[in-house]
């Protein structure tokens, strides 16, 4: 029998990720619409900290903004 694993939702971490993504996007002068057209990823809910983002999605976001995952997490830890 397979055990079902539920997702853990750390609200504080999600808010830090959300703020970091929003800051990176704003500095790159990319709108939410432009980002969606380019990637197919809806950032609005992610930037509100309401979505438990997957590592795969975060990796795609980082790739788009040419930042490594490790540098992204360093930004989060420094805030």
PDB file of N, CA and C in Angstrom:
ATOM      1  N   UNK A   1       0.840  -1.178   0.000  1.00  0.00           N
ATOM      2  CA  UNK A   1       0.000   0.000   0.000  1.00  0.00           C
ATOM      3  C   UNK A   1       0.892   1.251   0.000  1.00  0.00           C
ATOM      4  N   UNK A   2       0.544   2.217  -0.869  1.00  0.00           N
ATOM      5  CA  UNK A   2       1.305   3.457  -0.934  1.00  0.00           C
ATOM      6  C   UNK A   2       0.842   4.444   0.118  1.00  0.00           C
ATOM      7  N   UNK A   3       1.802   5.085   0.720  1.00  0.00           N
ATOM      8  CA  UNK A   3       1.487   6.118   1.701  1.00  0.00           C
ATOM      9  C   UNK A   3       1.288   7.441   0.967  1.00  0.00           C
ATOM     10  N   UNK A   4       0.249   8.162   1.299  1.00  0.00           N
ATOM     11  CA  UNK A   4      -0.013   9.462   0.697  1.00  0.00           C
ATOM     12  C   UNK A   4       0.736  10.516   1.501  1.00  0.00           C
ATOM     13  N   UNK A   5       1.516  11.301   0.780  1.00  0.00           N
ATOM     14  CA  UNK A   5       2.290  12.355   1.430  1.00  0.00           C
ATOM     15  C   UNK A   5       1.617  13.687   1.132  1.00  0.00           C
ATOM     16  N   UNK A   6       1.243  14.390   2.167  1.00  0.00           N
ATOM     17  CA  UNK A   6       0.621  15.694   1.957  1.00  0.00           C
ATOM     18  C   UNK A   6       1.697  16.767   1.889  1.00  0.00           C
ATOM     19  N   UNK A   7       1.376  17.842   1.192  1.00  0.00           N
ATOM     20  CA  UNK A   7       2.323  18.935   1.077  1.00  0.00           C
ATOM     21  C   UNK A   7       2.374  19.725   2.370  1.00  0.00           C
ATOM     22  N   UNK A   8       3.557  20.140   2.697  1.00  0.00           N
ATOM     23  CA  UNK A   8       3.760  21.019   3.844  1.00  0.00           C
ATOM     24  C   UNK A   8       3.729  22.445   3.321  1.00  0.00           C
ATOM     25  N   UNK A   9       3.035  23.307   3.998  1.00  0.00           N
ATOM     26  CA  UNK A   9       2.910  24.684   3.546  1.00  0.00           C
ATOM     27  C   UNK A   9       3.451  25.614   4.623  1.00  0.00           C
ATOM     28  N   UNK A  10       4.640  26.143   4.389  1.00  0.00           N
ATOM     29  CA  UNK A  10       5.293  27.072   5.303  1.00  0.00           C
ATOM     30  C   UNK A  10       4.971  28.485   4.829  1.00  0.00           C
ATOM     31  N   UNK A  11       4.026  29.129   5.486  1.00  0.00           N
ATOM     32  CA  UNK A  11       3.543  30.446   5.069  1.00  0.00           C
ATOM     33  C   UNK A  11       4.658  31.496   5.058  1.00  0.00           C
ATOM     34  N   UNK A  12       5.531  31.468   6.026  1.00  0.00           N
ATOM     35  CA  UNK A  12       6.610  32.452   6.106  1.00  0.00           C
ATOM     36  C   UNK A  12       7.574  32.274   4.933  1.00  0.00           C
ATOM     37  N   UNK A  13       7.951  31.042   4.655  1.00  0.00           N
ATOM     38  CA  UNK A  13       8.844  30.770   3.536  1.00  0.00           C
ATOM     39  C   UNK A  13       8.190  31.155   2.213  1.00  0.00           C
ATOM     40  N   UNK A  14       6.911  30.836   2.042  1.00  0.00           N
ATOM     41  CA  UNK A  14       6.213  31.192   0.812  1.00  0.00           C
ATOM     42  C   UNK A  14       6.173  32.706   0.608  1.00  0.00           C
ATOM     43  N   UNK A  15       6.003  33.461   1.675  1.00  0.00           N
ATOM     44  CA  UNK A  15       6.010  34.921   1.580  1.00  0.00           C
ATOM     45  C   UNK A  15       7.396  35.428   1.175  1.00  0.00           C
ATOM     46  N   UNK A  16       8.448  34.836   1.728  1.00  0.00           N
ATOM     47  CA  UNK A  16       9.801  35.243   1.361  1.00  0.00           C
ATOM     48  C   UNK A  16      10.081  34.954  -0.108  1.00  0.00           C
ATOM     49  N   UNK A  17       9.663  33.788  -0.560  1.00  0.00           N
ATOM     50  CA  UNK A  17       9.833  33.414  -1.971  1.00  0.00           C
ATOM     51  C   UNK A  17       9.050  34.380  -2.849  1.00  0.00           C
ATOM     52  N   UNK A  18       7.809  34.663  -2.455  1.00  0.00           N
ATOM     53  CA  UNK A  18       6.952  35.563  -3.220  1.00  0.00           C
ATOM     54  C   UNK A  18       7.581  36.946  -3.362  1.00  0.00           C
ATOM     55  N   UNK A  19       8.057  37.488  -2.259  1.00  0.00           N
ATOM     56  CA  UNK A  19       8.661  38.818  -2.289  1.00  0.00           C
ATOM     57  C   UNK A  19       9.932  38.842  -3.124  1.00  0.00           C
ATOM     58  N   UNK A  20      10.700  37.792  -3.046  1.00  0.00           N
ATOM     59  CA  UNK A  20      11.943  37.710  -3.810  1.00  0.00           C
ATOM     60  C   UNK A  20      11.647  37.645  -5.310  1.00  0.00           C
ATOM     61  N   UNK A  21      10.691  36.818  -5.702  1.00  0.00           N
ATOM     62  CA  UNK A  21      10.315  36.715  -7.113  1.00  0.00           C
ATOM     63  C   UNK A  21       9.787  38.054  -7.615  1.00  0.00           C
ATOM     64  N   UNK A  22       8.931  38.682  -6.828  1.00  0.00           N
ATOM     65  CA  UNK A  22       8.358  39.969  -7.233  1.00  0.00           C
ATOM     66  C   UNK A  22       9.453  41.018  -7.393  1.00  0.00           C
ATOM     67  N   UNK A  23      10.406  41.033  -6.486  1.00  0.00           N
ATOM     68  CA  UNK A  23      11.510  41.986  -6.548  1.00  0.00           C
ATOM     69  C   UNK A  23      12.363  41.751  -7.802  1.00  0.00           C
ATOM     70  N   UNK A  24      12.685  40.498  -8.078  1.00  0.00           N
ATOM     71  CA  UNK A  24      13.480  40.163  -9.265  1.00  0.00           C
ATOM     72  C   UNK A  24      12.726  40.571 -10.534  1.00  0.00           C
ATOM     73  N   UNK A  25      11.434  40.260 -10.586  1.00  0.00           N
ATOM     74  CA  UNK A  25      10.620  40.602 -11.757  1.00  0.00           C
ATOM     75  C   UNK A  25      10.532  42.109 -11.942  1.00  0.00           C
ATOM     76  N   UNK A  26      10.317  42.832 -10.853  1.00  0.00           N
ATOM     77  CA  UNK A  26      10.211  44.292 -10.927  1.00  0.00           C
ATOM     78  C   UNK A  26      11.509  44.921 -11.406  1.00  0.00           C
ATOM     79  N   UNK A  27      12.621  44.448 -10.879  1.00  0.00           N
ATOM     80  CA  UNK A  27      13.928  44.981 -11.293  1.00  0.00           C
ATOM     81  C   UNK A  27      14.214  44.684 -12.762  1.00  0.00           C
ATOM     82  N   UNK A  28      13.672  43.578 -13.263  1.00  0.00           N
ATOM     83  CA  UNK A  28      13.854  43.219 -14.677  1.00  0.00           C
ATOM     84  C   UNK A  28      12.848  43.951 -15.566  1.00  0.00           C
ATOM     85  N   UNK A  29      11.928  44.700 -14.956  1.00  0.00           N
ATOM     86  CA  UNK A  29      10.905  45.459 -15.665  1.00  0.00           C
ATOM     87  C   UNK A  29      10.050  44.566 -16.563  1.00  0.00           C
ATOM     88  N   UNK A  30       9.638  43.419 -16.000  1.00  0.00           N
ATOM     89  CA  UNK A  30       8.789  42.451 -16.698  1.00  0.00           C
ATOM     90  C   UNK A  30       7.417  42.465 -16.041  1.00  0.00           C
ATOM     91  N   UNK A  31       6.378  42.607 -16.839  1.00  0.00           N
ATOM     92  CA  UNK A  31       5.016  42.582 -16.288  1.00  0.00           C
ATOM     93  C   UNK A  31       4.584  41.136 -16.063  1.00  0.00           C
ATOM     94  N   UNK A  32       3.548  40.975 -15.248  1.00  0.00           N
ATOM     95  CA  UNK A  32       2.987  39.638 -15.035  1.00  0.00           C
ATOM     96  C   UNK A  32       2.495  39.053 -16.354  1.00  0.00           C
ATOM     97  N   UNK A  33       1.874  39.890 -17.185  1.00  0.00           N
ATOM     98  CA  UNK A  33       1.386  39.415 -18.486  1.00  0.00           C
ATOM     99  C   UNK A  33       2.525  38.975 -19.397  1.00  0.00           C
ATOM    100  N   UNK A  34       3.579  39.770 -19.458  1.00  0.00           N
ATOM    101  CA  UNK A  34       4.731  39.407 -20.295  1.00  0.00           C
ATOM    102  C   UNK A  34       5.347  38.094 -19.823  1.00  0.00           C
ATOM    103  N   UNK A  35       5.458  37.944 -18.508  1.00  0.00           N
ATOM    104  CA  UNK A  35       6.036  36.719 -17.967  1.00  0.00           C
ATOM    105  C   UNK A  35       5.177  35.518 -18.343  1.00  0.00           C
ATOM    106  N   UNK A  36       3.854  35.674 -18.238  1.00  0.00           N
ATOM    107  CA  UNK A  36       2.950  34.576 -18.580  1.00  0.00           C
ATOM    108  C   UNK A  36       3.063  34.213 -20.061  1.00  0.00           C
ATOM    109  N   UNK A  37       3.089  35.208 -20.919  1.00  0.00           N
ATOM    110  CA  UNK A  37       3.206  34.961 -22.365  1.00  0.00           C
ATOM    111  C   UNK A  37       4.505  34.216 -22.661  1.00  0.00           C
ATOM    112  N   UNK A  38       5.585  34.608 -22.003  1.00  0.00           N
ATOM    113  CA  UNK A  38       6.890  33.997 -22.250  1.00  0.00           C
ATOM    114  C   UNK A  38       7.030  32.592 -21.669  1.00  0.00           C
ATOM    115  N   UNK A  39       6.351  32.325 -20.537  1.00  0.00           N
ATOM    116  CA  UNK A  39       6.597  31.067 -19.823  1.00  0.00           C
ATOM    117  C   UNK A  39       5.376  30.175 -19.633  1.00  0.00           C
ATOM    118  N   UNK A  40       4.187  30.758 -19.669  1.00  0.00           N
ATOM    119  CA  UNK A  40       2.979  29.990 -19.367  1.00  0.00           C
ATOM    120  C   UNK A  40       2.750  29.827 -17.871  1.00  0.00           C
ATOM    121  N   UNK A  41       3.538  30.516 -17.063  1.00  0.00           N
ATOM    122  CA  UNK A  41       3.429  30.441 -15.603  1.00  0.00           C
ATOM    123  C   UNK A  41       2.701  31.683 -15.096  1.00  0.00           C
ATOM    124  N   UNK A  42       1.642  31.473 -14.298  1.00  0.00           N
ATOM    125  CA  UNK A  42       0.920  32.573 -13.667  1.00  0.00           C
ATOM    126  C   UNK A  42       1.653  32.965 -12.386  1.00  0.00           C
ATOM    127  N   UNK A  43       2.242  34.141 -12.383  1.00  0.00           N
ATOM    128  CA  UNK A  43       2.998  34.575 -11.209  1.00  0.00           C
ATOM    129  C   UNK A  43       2.139  35.277 -10.157  1.00  0.00           C
ATOM    130  N   UNK A  44       0.963  35.738 -10.520  1.00  0.00           N
ATOM    131  CA  UNK A  44       0.174  36.540  -9.583  1.00  0.00           C
ATOM    132  C   UNK A  44      -0.051  35.826  -8.254  1.00  0.00           C
ATOM    133  N   UNK A  45      -0.549  34.595  -8.300  1.00  0.00           N
ATOM    134  CA  UNK A  45      -0.797  33.859  -7.049  1.00  0.00           C
ATOM    135  C   UNK A  45       0.515  33.500  -6.346  1.00  0.00           C
ATOM    136  N   UNK A  46       1.547  33.225  -7.112  1.00  0.00           N
ATOM    137  CA  UNK A  46       2.849  32.918  -6.513  1.00  0.00           C
ATOM    138  C   UNK A  46       3.370  34.145  -5.773  1.00  0.00           C
ATOM    139  N   UNK A  47       3.263  35.324  -6.407  1.00  0.00           N
ATOM    140  CA  UNK A  47       3.750  36.553  -5.784  1.00  0.00           C
ATOM    141  C   UNK A  47       2.911  36.983  -4.590  1.00  0.00           C
ATOM    142  N   UNK A  48       1.719  36.445  -4.452  1.00  0.00           N
ATOM    143  CA  UNK A  48       0.892  36.729  -3.273  1.00  0.00           C
ATOM    144  C   UNK A  48       1.209  35.765  -2.131  1.00  0.00           C
ATOM    145  N   UNK A  49       2.054  34.776  -2.406  1.00  0.00           N
ATOM    146  CA  UNK A  49       2.413  33.803  -1.378  1.00  0.00           C
ATOM    147  C   UNK A  49       1.311  32.807  -1.088  1.00  0.00           C
ATOM    148  N   UNK A  50       0.367  32.647  -2.027  1.00  0.00           N
ATOM    149  CA  UNK A  50      -0.769  31.754  -1.807  1.00  0.00           C
ATOM    150  C   UNK A  50      -0.581  30.389  -2.444  1.00  0.00           C
ATOM    151  N   UNK A  51       0.457  30.243  -3.235  1.00  0.00           N
ATOM    152  CA  UNK A  51       0.690  28.992  -3.940  1.00  0.00           C
ATOM    153  C   UNK A  51       1.924  28.307  -3.391  1.00  0.00           C
ATOM    154  N   UNK A  52       1.792  27.034  -3.086  1.00  0.00           N
ATOM    155  CA  UNK A  52       2.916  26.231  -2.621  1.00  0.00           C
ATOM    156  C   UNK A  52       3.709  25.810  -3.858  1.00  0.00           C
ATOM    157  N   UNK A  53       4.625  26.655  -4.255  1.00  0.00           N
ATOM    158  CA  UNK A  53       5.352  26.528  -5.512  1.00  0.00           C
ATOM    159  C   UNK A  53       6.247  25.290  -5.517  1.00  0.00           C
ATOM    160  N   UNK A  54       6.309  24.614  -6.647  1.00  0.00           N
ATOM    161  CA  UNK A  54       7.181  23.447  -6.760  1.00  0.00           C
ATOM    162  C   UNK A  54       8.600  23.887  -7.112  1.00  0.00           C
ATOM    163  N   UNK A  55       9.547  23.033  -6.842  1.00  0.00           N
ATOM    164  CA  UNK A  55      10.943  23.315  -7.193  1.00  0.00           C
ATOM    165  C   UNK A  55      11.083  23.434  -8.710  1.00  0.00           C
ATOM    166  N   UNK A  56      10.342  22.629  -9.452  1.00  0.00           N
ATOM    167  CA  UNK A  56      10.397  22.699 -10.916  1.00  0.00           C
ATOM    168  C   UNK A  56       9.936  24.063 -11.421  1.00  0.00           C
ATOM    169  N   UNK A  57       8.850  24.572 -10.857  1.00  0.00           N
ATOM    170  CA  UNK A  57       8.360  25.891 -11.255  1.00  0.00           C
ATOM    171  C   UNK A  57       9.352  26.969 -10.852  1.00  0.00           C
ATOM    172  N   UNK A  58       9.877  26.878  -9.647  1.00  0.00           N
ATOM    173  CA  UNK A  58      10.870  27.850  -9.199  1.00  0.00           C
ATOM    174  C   UNK A  58      12.106  27.819 -10.101  1.00  0.00           C
ATOM    175  N   UNK A  59      12.511  26.638 -10.513  1.00  0.00           N
ATOM    176  CA  UNK A  59      13.649  26.507 -11.414  1.00  0.00           C
ATOM    177  C   UNK A  59      13.375  27.201 -12.749  1.00  0.00           C
ATOM    178  N   UNK A  60      12.165  27.049 -13.269  1.00  0.00           N
ATOM    179  CA  UNK A  60      11.787  27.718 -14.530  1.00  0.00           C
ATOM    180  C   UNK A  60      11.806  29.233 -14.369  1.00  0.00           C
ATOM    181  N   UNK A  61      11.312  29.705 -13.233  1.00  0.00           N
ATOM    182  CA  UNK A  61      11.310  31.146 -12.962  1.00  0.00           C
ATOM    183  C   UNK A  61      12.745  31.659 -12.892  1.00  0.00           C
ATOM    184  N   UNK A  62      13.596  30.959 -12.174  1.00  0.00           N
ATOM    185  CA  UNK A  62      14.995  31.363 -12.053  1.00  0.00           C
ATOM    186  C   UNK A  62      15.702  31.343 -13.407  1.00  0.00           C
ATOM    187  N   UNK A  63      15.427  30.325 -14.203  1.00  0.00           N
ATOM    188  CA  UNK A  63      16.027  30.239 -15.532  1.00  0.00           C
ATOM    189  C   UNK A  63      15.615  31.447 -16.372  1.00  0.00           C
ATOM    190  N   UNK A  64      14.357  31.800 -16.312  1.00  0.00           N
ATOM    191  CA  UNK A  64      13.850  32.950 -17.068  1.00  0.00           C
ATOM    192  C   UNK A  64      14.611  34.221 -16.695  1.00  0.00           C
ATOM    193  N   UNK A  65      14.856  34.401 -15.408  1.00  0.00           N
ATOM    194  CA  UNK A  65      15.535  35.608 -14.929  1.00  0.00           C
ATOM    195  C   UNK A  65      17.054  35.430 -14.820  1.00  0.00           C
ATOM    196  N   UNK A  66      17.555  34.348 -15.371  1.00  0.00           N
ATOM    197  CA  UNK A  66      18.997  34.016 -15.375  1.00  0.00           C
ATOM    198  C   UNK A  66      19.636  34.139 -13.988  1.00  0.00           C
ATOM    199  N   UNK A  67      18.995  33.489 -13.036  1.00  0.00           N
ATOM    200  CA  UNK A  67      19.544  33.396 -11.682  1.00  0.00           C
ATOM    201  C   UNK A  67      19.530  31.917 -11.295  1.00  0.00           C
ATOM    202  N   UNK A  68      20.579  31.470 -10.652  1.00  0.00           N
ATOM    203  CA  UNK A  68      20.627  30.070 -10.239  1.00  0.00           C
ATOM    204  C   UNK A  68      19.727  29.857  -9.021  1.00  0.00           C
ATOM    205  N   UNK A  69      19.303  28.628  -8.835  1.00  0.00           N
ATOM    206  CA  UNK A  69      18.506  28.311  -7.649  1.00  0.00           C
ATOM    207  C   UNK A  69      19.292  28.621  -6.376  1.00  0.00           C
ATOM    208  N   UNK A  70      20.579  28.305  -6.380  1.00  0.00           N
ATOM    209  CA  UNK A  70      21.366  28.563  -5.170  1.00  0.00           C
ATOM    210  C   UNK A  70      21.451  30.057  -4.872  1.00  0.00           C
ATOM    211  N   UNK A  71      21.610  30.886  -5.908  1.00  0.00           N
ATOM    212  CA  UNK A  71      21.632  32.329  -5.683  1.00  0.00           C
ATOM    213  C   UNK A  71      20.266  32.840  -5.233  1.00  0.00           C
ATOM    214  N   UNK A  72      19.205  32.245  -5.778  1.00  0.00           N
ATOM    215  CA  UNK A  72      17.860  32.629  -5.352  1.00  0.00           C
ATOM    216  C   UNK A  72      17.675  32.347  -3.855  1.00  0.00           C
ATOM    217  N   UNK A  73      18.082  31.162  -3.423  1.00  0.00           N
ATOM    218  CA  UNK A  73      17.933  30.827  -2.004  1.00  0.00           C
ATOM    219  C   UNK A  73      18.844  31.670  -1.119  1.00  0.00           C
ATOM    220  N   UNK A  74      19.989  32.082  -1.637  1.00  0.00           N
ATOM    221  CA  UNK A  74      20.849  33.010  -0.882  1.00  0.00           C
ATOM    222  C   UNK A  74      20.143  34.339  -0.678  1.00  0.00           C
ATOM    223  N   UNK A  75      19.437  34.816  -1.711  1.00  0.00           N
ATOM    224  CA  UNK A  75      18.672  36.057  -1.578  1.00  0.00           C
ATOM    225  C   UNK A  75      17.607  35.924  -0.498  1.00  0.00           C
ATOM    226  N   UNK A  76      16.934  34.795  -0.469  1.00  0.00           N
ATOM    227  CA  UNK A  76      15.895  34.566   0.534  1.00  0.00           C
ATOM    228  C   UNK A  76      16.497  34.538   1.933  1.00  0.00           C
ATOM    229  N   UNK A  77      17.610  33.864   2.082  1.00  0.00           N
ATOM    230  CA  UNK A  77      18.237  33.773   3.402  1.00  0.00           C
ATOM    231  C   UNK A  77      18.760  35.109   3.886  1.00  0.00           C
ATOM    232  N   UNK A  78      19.130  35.991   2.974  1.00  0.00           N
ATOM    233  CA  UNK A  78      19.684  37.288   3.381  1.00  0.00           C
ATOM    234  C   UNK A  78      18.601  38.281   3.799  1.00  0.00           C
ATOM    235  N   UNK A  79      17.350  37.953   3.522  1.00  0.00           N
ATOM    236  CA  UNK A  79      16.242  38.861   3.896  1.00  0.00           C
ATOM    237  C   UNK A  79      15.603  38.450   5.198  1.00  0.00           C
TER     238      UNK A  79
END
